[in-house]
Amino acid sequence: MAEINRVNARMWSMLGARGTFGLAMLELAAKYDFTVLSADLCESSGLAKFRDNYSSRFYNVGIAEQDLIGVAAGIASEGQNVFSTSFAPFITARCLDQIRMNLAYMKMNVKLVGLSSGYEQGNSGYSHYGLEDAGILNCIPDITIVTPADCSEIYQCVEAAMTYEGPMYIRLTGGRFTPPVYTGDYTFTIGKGIPLAEGTDTVIFTCGTPTAYAMKAAKVLNKEGLSVSVVNMHTLRPFDTALAEEYCRKFGTVFTAEEHSCKNGLGTAVAELIAEKGLGCRLVKIAAPDRYEKAGSYDFMMKNTGLTPDAISDRIRKELSAEG
């Protein structure tokens, strides 16, 4: 595993999600045997140096995402671990049938990497936003779904994926200067959530870029006398039900914060757990609304959706005050 320290965390944060992914591919190529595919997004994927240094292990299929999945499945069928990259909505919604039949049904060892998921594409608008990607794939059996919290966790996730068998979707949120969550070594395990802060009044389950914002919101609320736990649920599937249940049993109201649709994402996973286990707590989802709104810059969309640190703390303050 790459060493996580303040220097590396700062460097990766400056590179951003895609840059860190490309760096991980480059540095891990000397240690692991894998093939990388791109749908004409080599530069955008941060893969230019990998392509230049490992040209025999890189293929650009062009702007043909459905073919990308077919080629990836073919290479994987010969025993190769394959990483396939494109913008989040293109590599999921556009390729759904190919993913369902060629990857999930056949249990192929292909890692799909959704670039610029969430609102990172900013002014490009809803055609490029990855807000339904995890939810779409969550309906298909046998696909692991991971949303790293920051660039350090992206590196950790990519390396873990090198030896993880079966189809996986790695969802990259945030752009350059992604706020760091981790500045020191920790244990990252696919399928295991990570408690980040302990509180006595409520909990925020979160993943992706909102993890850093949830931590900031918790610090603000703690200074006001509200004690807030924060749990990084980086893996949507397999979901860490034991950890989520442990925290849901502690509180009357729990929160989720995610850069994804309010439908079939992290919030839905927690809601299903609460219902199935009869836990009795109230759930408040902080996520993209179930409608298309005015598009704008990344900062505008995060603010408009209530996913900034101030908005998260305001929402928690309001909901807990209403409880009395």
Protein backbone atom coordinates (compact mmCIF):
# COMPACT_ATOMS: atom_id res chain seq x y z
CA MET A 1 0.00 0.00 0.00
CA ALA A 2 1.14 3.56 -0.67
CA GLU A 3 2.16 5.45 2.45
CA ILE A 4 -0.45 7.94 3.56
CA ASN A 5 1.07 10.99 5.19
CA ARG A 6 0.46 14.73 5.08
CA VAL A 7 2.82 15.26 2.15
CA ASN A 8 1.25 12.56 -0.02
CA ALA A 9 -2.28 13.54 1.01
CA ARG A 10 -1.61 17.14 -0.01
CA MET A 11 -0.04 16.09 -3.33
CA TRP A 12 -2.92 13.76 -4.17
CA SER A 13 -5.45 16.41 -3.20
CA MET A 14 -3.84 18.86 -5.62
CA LEU A 15 -3.89 16.24 -8.38
CA GLY A 16 -7.56 15.58 -7.74
CA ALA A 17 -9.52 12.36 -8.15
CA ARG A 18 -8.64 11.65 -11.77
CA GLY A 19 -5.01 12.66 -11.40
CA THR A 20 -4.60 10.44 -8.35
CA PHE A 21 -6.22 7.53 -10.16
CA GLY A 22 -3.78 7.94 -13.07
CA LEU A 23 -0.82 8.15 -10.69
CA ALA A 24 -1.94 5.00 -8.90
CA MET A 25 -2.19 3.15 -12.21
CA LEU A 26 1.32 4.27 -13.17
CA GLU A 27 2.97 3.42 -9.85
CA LEU A 28 1.19 0.10 -9.38
CA ALA A 29 2.02 -1.13 -12.89
CA ALA A 30 5.45 -2.30 -11.76
CA LYS A 31 3.91 -4.47 -9.03
CA TYR A 32 0.72 -5.83 -10.62
CA ASP A 33 -0.23 -7.25 -14.01
CA PHE A 34 -3.30 -5.50 -15.41
CA THR A 35 -4.67 -3.91 -18.59
CA VAL A 36 -6.24 -0.45 -18.87
CA LEU A 37 -8.92 0.60 -21.38
CA SER A 38 -10.20 4.08 -22.16
CA ALA A 39 -13.11 5.38 -24.22
CA ASP A 40 -11.05 8.19 -25.76
CA LEU A 41 -10.50 9.82 -22.37
CA CYS A 42 -6.85 9.01 -21.73
CA GLU A 43 -5.88 12.56 -20.74
CA SER A 44 -9.06 13.11 -18.72
CA SER A 45 -8.48 9.84 -16.89
CA GLY A 46 -4.98 10.89 -15.82
CA LEU A 47 -3.60 7.96 -17.82
CA ALA A 48 -1.27 9.73 -20.26
CA LYS A 49 1.91 8.69 -18.43
CA PHE A 50 0.65 5.13 -18.04
CA ARG A 51 -0.05 4.99 -21.78
CA ASP A 52 3.41 6.36 -22.59
CA ASN A 53 5.23 3.98 -20.24
CA TYR A 54 3.09 0.86 -20.68
CA SER A 55 1.73 1.15 -24.21
CA SER A 56 1.33 -2.63 -24.58
CA ARG A 57 -1.07 -2.66 -21.62
CA PHE A 58 -3.25 0.28 -22.69
CA TYR A 59 -6.04 0.33 -25.30
CA ASN A 60 -8.15 3.26 -26.48
CA VAL A 61 -11.38 1.95 -27.99
CA GLY A 62 -12.60 5.43 -28.96
CA ILE A 63 -15.94 7.00 -28.11
CA ALA A 64 -17.67 3.63 -27.98
CA GLU A 65 -18.43 2.81 -24.37
CA GLN A 66 -20.54 -0.27 -25.09
CA ASP A 67 -17.65 -1.71 -27.11
CA LEU A 68 -15.38 -0.80 -24.20
CA ILE A 69 -17.28 -3.23 -21.98
CA GLY A 70 -17.19 -5.97 -24.61
CA VAL A 71 -13.44 -5.61 -25.17
CA ALA A 72 -12.82 -5.53 -21.41
CA ALA A 73 -14.85 -8.72 -20.94
CA GLY A 74 -12.93 -10.42 -23.75
CA ILE A 75 -9.54 -9.56 -22.24
CA ALA A 76 -10.73 -10.57 -18.76
CA SER A 77 -11.89 -13.93 -20.12
CA GLU A 78 -8.22 -14.66 -20.86
CA GLY A 79 -7.33 -14.22 -17.20
CA GLN A 80 -6.32 -10.55 -17.19
CA ASN A 81 -7.40 -7.99 -14.59
CA VAL A 82 -8.90 -5.05 -16.53
CA PHE A 83 -9.56 -1.43 -15.57
CA SER A 84 -11.99 0.36 -17.91
CA THR A 85 -12.50 4.12 -17.65
CA SER A 86 -14.96 6.74 -18.87
CA PHE A 87 -17.15 9.48 -17.43
CA ALA A 88 -19.54 8.05 -14.85
CA PRO A 89 -22.87 8.28 -16.74
CA PHE A 90 -21.32 6.98 -19.94
CA ILE A 91 -19.71 3.88 -18.43
CA THR A 92 -22.85 2.95 -16.47
CA ALA A 93 -26.18 4.05 -17.95
CA ARG A 94 -25.00 3.90 -21.56
CA CYS A 95 -23.55 0.41 -21.10
CA LEU A 96 -26.11 -1.15 -18.79
CA ASP A 97 -26.97 -4.19 -20.91
CA GLN A 98 -23.31 -4.96 -21.62
CA ILE A 99 -22.44 -4.64 -17.92
CA ARG A 100 -25.35 -6.85 -16.95
CA MET A 101 -24.65 -9.64 -19.43
CA ASN A 102 -20.90 -9.48 -20.15
CA LEU A 103 -19.58 -8.56 -16.71
CA ALA A 104 -22.01 -9.33 -13.89
CA TYR A 105 -23.66 -12.44 -15.31
CA MET A 106 -20.28 -13.83 -16.41
CA LYS A 107 -18.52 -12.62 -13.22
CA MET A 108 -15.68 -11.09 -15.23
CA ASN A 109 -12.71 -9.55 -13.44
CA VAL A 110 -13.27 -6.02 -14.76
CA LYS A 111 -13.00 -2.84 -12.73
CA LEU A 112 -15.12 0.00 -14.10
CA VAL A 113 -13.88 3.45 -13.13
CA GLY A 114 -16.50 6.21 -13.27
CA LEU A 115 -14.71 9.51 -13.76
CA SER A 116 -16.18 12.79 -12.52
CA SER A 117 -19.11 11.20 -10.76
CA GLY A 118 -21.54 13.41 -8.89
CA TYR A 119 -21.48 17.08 -9.93
CA GLU A 120 -17.80 17.36 -10.88
CA GLN A 121 -18.57 18.13 -14.54
CA GLY A 122 -20.15 21.40 -13.42
CA ASN A 123 -21.36 23.51 -16.31
CA SER A 124 -21.47 20.50 -18.65
CA GLY A 125 -24.80 19.77 -16.98
CA TYR A 126 -26.93 16.73 -16.34
CA SER A 127 -25.80 14.87 -19.46
CA HIS A 128 -22.40 14.56 -17.74
CA TYR A 129 -23.39 14.36 -14.05
CA GLY A 130 -23.00 10.97 -12.37
CA LEU A 131 -25.96 11.02 -10.01
CA GLU A 132 -27.69 7.74 -10.85
CA ASP A 133 -24.61 5.61 -11.60
CA ALA A 134 -24.26 3.69 -8.34
CA GLY A 135 -28.03 3.27 -8.08
CA ILE A 136 -28.28 1.80 -11.56
CA LEU A 137 -25.54 -0.74 -10.92
CA ASN A 138 -26.88 -1.54 -7.46
CA CYS A 139 -29.81 -3.28 -9.16
CA ILE A 140 -27.45 -5.74 -10.87
CA PRO A 141 -26.18 -8.72 -8.84
CA ASP A 142 -22.51 -9.43 -8.18
CA ILE A 143 -21.04 -5.94 -8.77
CA THR A 144 -18.99 -4.41 -5.97
CA ILE A 145 -19.53 -0.62 -5.71
CA VAL A 146 -17.01 1.65 -3.98
CA THR A 147 -16.98 5.45 -3.57
CA PRO A 148 -13.64 6.53 -2.04
CA ALA A 149 -13.80 9.41 0.44
CA ASP A 150 -10.74 11.29 -0.81
CA CYS A 151 -7.67 10.94 -3.01
CA SER A 152 -5.79 8.91 -0.40
CA GLU A 153 -8.63 6.44 -0.37
CA ILE A 154 -8.73 6.38 -4.17
CA TYR A 155 -5.13 5.13 -4.14
CA GLN A 156 -5.99 2.59 -1.45
CA CYS A 157 -9.07 1.43 -3.34
CA VAL A 158 -7.23 1.03 -6.64
CA GLU A 159 -4.55 -1.09 -5.04
CA ALA A 160 -7.13 -3.21 -3.21
CA ALA A 161 -8.90 -3.72 -6.54
CA MET A 162 -5.74 -5.23 -8.01
CA THR A 163 -6.28 -8.45 -6.05
CA TYR A 164 -10.08 -8.30 -5.69
CA GLU A 165 -11.91 -10.86 -7.80
CA GLY A 166 -15.01 -10.02 -9.81
CA PRO A 167 -16.62 -6.97 -11.40
CA MET A 168 -16.31 -3.70 -9.51
CA TYR A 169 -17.38 -0.09 -9.98
CA ILE A 170 -15.05 2.57 -8.54
CA ARG A 171 -16.86 5.88 -8.36
CA LEU A 172 -14.61 8.97 -8.38
CA THR A 173 -16.18 12.15 -6.98
CA GLY A 174 -14.61 15.58 -6.66
CA GLY A 175 -12.15 17.38 -8.92
CA ARG A 176 -8.79 18.99 -8.30
CA PHE A 177 -8.06 20.10 -4.74
CA THR A 178 -10.37 17.44 -3.37
CA PRO A 179 -10.45 18.01 0.41
CA PRO A 180 -8.45 15.35 2.27
CA VAL A 181 -10.01 13.12 4.90
CA TYR A 182 -6.98 10.96 5.66
CA THR A 183 -3.48 12.28 6.35
CA GLY A 184 -2.11 9.16 8.05
CA ASP A 185 -2.11 5.42 7.47
CA TYR A 186 -5.29 3.48 8.16
CA THR A 187 -6.81 0.14 7.22
CA PHE A 188 -8.91 0.18 4.06
CA THR A 189 -10.94 -2.95 3.36
CA ILE A 190 -13.52 -3.25 0.61
CA GLY A 191 -16.90 -3.84 2.27
CA LYS A 192 -15.91 -2.45 5.68
CA GLY A 193 -17.00 1.04 6.77
CA ILE A 194 -14.69 3.27 8.79
CA PRO A 195 -15.80 5.32 11.84
CA LEU A 196 -14.17 8.76 11.62
CA ALA A 197 -15.69 10.58 14.59
CA GLU A 198 -17.65 9.48 17.66
CA GLY A 199 -20.61 11.40 19.04
CA THR A 200 -23.55 10.89 21.37
CA ASP A 201 -26.39 12.73 19.59
CA THR A 202 -26.52 11.46 16.00
CA VAL A 203 -24.50 9.98 13.14
CA ILE A 204 -23.76 10.94 9.55
CA PHE A 205 -23.21 8.00 7.20
CA THR A 206 -21.34 9.32 4.18
CA CYS A 207 -19.11 8.46 1.23
CA GLY A 208 -17.15 10.24 -1.50
CA THR A 209 -16.32 13.94 -1.34
CA PRO A 210 -19.13 14.73 1.16
CA THR A 211 -17.13 12.77 3.75
CA ALA A 212 -14.78 15.71 4.26
CA TYR A 213 -17.75 18.09 4.39
CA ALA A 214 -19.53 15.89 6.95
CA MET A 215 -16.41 15.98 9.12
CA LYS A 216 -16.32 19.79 8.94
CA ALA A 217 -20.02 19.99 9.76
CA ALA A 218 -19.55 17.67 12.75
CA LYS A 219 -16.76 19.87 14.12
CA VAL A 220 -18.97 22.97 13.87
CA LEU A 221 -21.87 21.22 15.59
CA ASN A 222 -19.63 19.78 18.29
CA LYS A 223 -18.55 23.30 19.23
CA GLU A 224 -22.23 24.18 19.61
CA GLY A 225 -22.86 21.25 21.93
CA LEU A 226 -24.20 18.71 19.43
CA SER A 227 -22.08 15.57 19.47
CA VAL A 228 -22.01 13.96 16.00
CA SER A 229 -20.55 10.67 14.82
CA VAL A 230 -19.30 10.35 11.22
CA VAL A 231 -18.92 7.00 9.44
CA ASN A 232 -17.29 6.56 6.03
CA MET A 233 -19.40 3.93 4.24
CA HIS A 234 -17.17 3.84 1.17
CA THR A 235 -18.58 0.53 -0.09
CA LEU A 236 -22.21 0.53 -1.16
CA ARG A 237 -22.00 -3.16 -2.05
CA PRO A 238 -21.21 -5.29 -0.16
CA PHE A 239 -22.72 -2.97 2.43
CA ASP A 240 -21.37 -3.07 5.97
CA THR A 241 -24.73 -3.77 7.59
CA ALA A 242 -23.22 -4.72 10.96
CA LEU A 243 -21.48 -1.36 11.38
CA ALA A 244 -24.46 0.64 10.11
CA GLU A 245 -26.81 -1.23 12.44
CA GLU A 246 -24.52 -0.57 15.40
CA TYR A 247 -24.81 3.19 14.87
CA CYS A 248 -28.51 3.20 13.95
CA ARG A 249 -29.34 1.51 17.27
CA LYS A 250 -27.69 4.37 19.17
CA PHE A 251 -29.74 7.30 17.85
CA GLY A 252 -33.32 8.40 17.28
CA THR A 253 -32.38 10.24 14.07
CA VAL A 254 -29.58 9.36 11.66
CA PHE A 255 -28.32 11.15 8.54
CA THR A 256 -26.78 10.19 5.21
CA ALA A 257 -24.77 12.57 3.01
CA GLU A 258 -23.83 11.54 -0.51
CA GLU A 259 -23.10 13.10 -3.90
CA HIS A 260 -25.64 10.86 -5.58
CA SER A 261 -29.37 10.75 -6.20
CA CYS A 262 -31.53 10.32 -3.13
CA LYS A 263 -32.79 7.15 -4.85
CA ASN A 264 -30.99 3.79 -4.56
CA GLY A 265 -27.74 5.09 -3.11
CA LEU A 266 -26.29 5.16 0.39
CA GLY A 267 -29.46 6.65 1.88
CA THR A 268 -31.56 3.84 0.45
CA ALA A 269 -29.15 1.22 1.78
CA VAL A 270 -29.48 2.66 5.29
CA ALA A 271 -33.27 2.98 4.93
CA GLU A 272 -33.58 -0.66 3.91
CA LEU A 273 -31.46 -1.72 6.88
CA ILE A 274 -33.61 0.29 9.31
CA ALA A 275 -36.81 -1.22 7.86
CA GLU A 276 -35.57 -4.80 7.63
CA LYS A 277 -34.10 -4.83 11.14
CA GLY A 278 -36.98 -2.86 12.66
CA LEU A 279 -34.53 -0.38 14.19
CA GLY A 280 -37.12 2.36 14.60
CA CYS A 281 -34.87 5.38 14.05
CA ARG A 282 -35.67 8.25 11.68
CA LEU A 283 -33.53 8.73 8.58
CA VAL A 284 -32.77 12.08 6.93
CA LYS A 285 -31.17 11.85 3.48
CA ILE A 286 -28.88 14.67 2.30
CA ALA A 287 -28.39 13.98 -1.39
CA ALA A 288 -29.23 15.09 -4.93
CA PRO A 289 -33.00 15.63 -5.27
CA ASP A 290 -35.18 13.39 -7.40
CA ARG A 291 -35.53 15.97 -10.17
CA TYR A 292 -33.46 17.86 -12.73
CA GLU A 293 -32.71 21.39 -11.64
CA LYS A 294 -30.69 24.29 -13.03
CA ALA A 295 -27.12 23.21 -13.74
CA GLY A 296 -24.06 25.24 -12.82
CA SER A 297 -20.54 25.09 -11.43
CA TYR A 298 -19.50 22.34 -9.02
CA ASP A 299 -19.62 24.70 -6.04
CA PHE A 300 -23.04 25.97 -7.12
CA MET A 301 -24.47 22.47 -7.42
CA MET A 302 -23.09 21.30 -4.08
CA LYS A 303 -24.51 24.38 -2.37
CA ASN A 304 -27.83 24.13 -4.19
CA THR A 305 -28.17 20.50 -3.15
CA GLY A 306 -27.30 21.11 0.49
CA LEU A 307 -24.01 19.21 0.42
CA THR A 308 -21.61 21.92 1.62
CA PRO A 309 -20.34 21.80 5.23
CA ASP A 310 -22.55 24.74 6.22
CA ALA A 311 -25.61 23.22 4.58
CA ILE A 312 -25.05 19.84 6.22
CA SER A 313 -24.63 21.39 9.66
CA ASP A 314 -27.72 23.59 9.13
CA ARG A 315 -29.80 20.58 8.13
CA ILE A 316 -28.73 18.53 11.12
CA ARG A 317 -29.30 21.45 13.48
CA LYS A 318 -32.79 21.99 12.04
CA GLU A 319 -33.84 18.34 12.08
CA LEU A 320 -32.65 17.69 15.62
CA SER A 321 -34.23 20.92 16.88
CA ALA A 322 -37.56 19.84 15.39
CA GLU A 323 -37.37 16.65 17.44
CA GLY A 324 -37.38 18.73 20.60
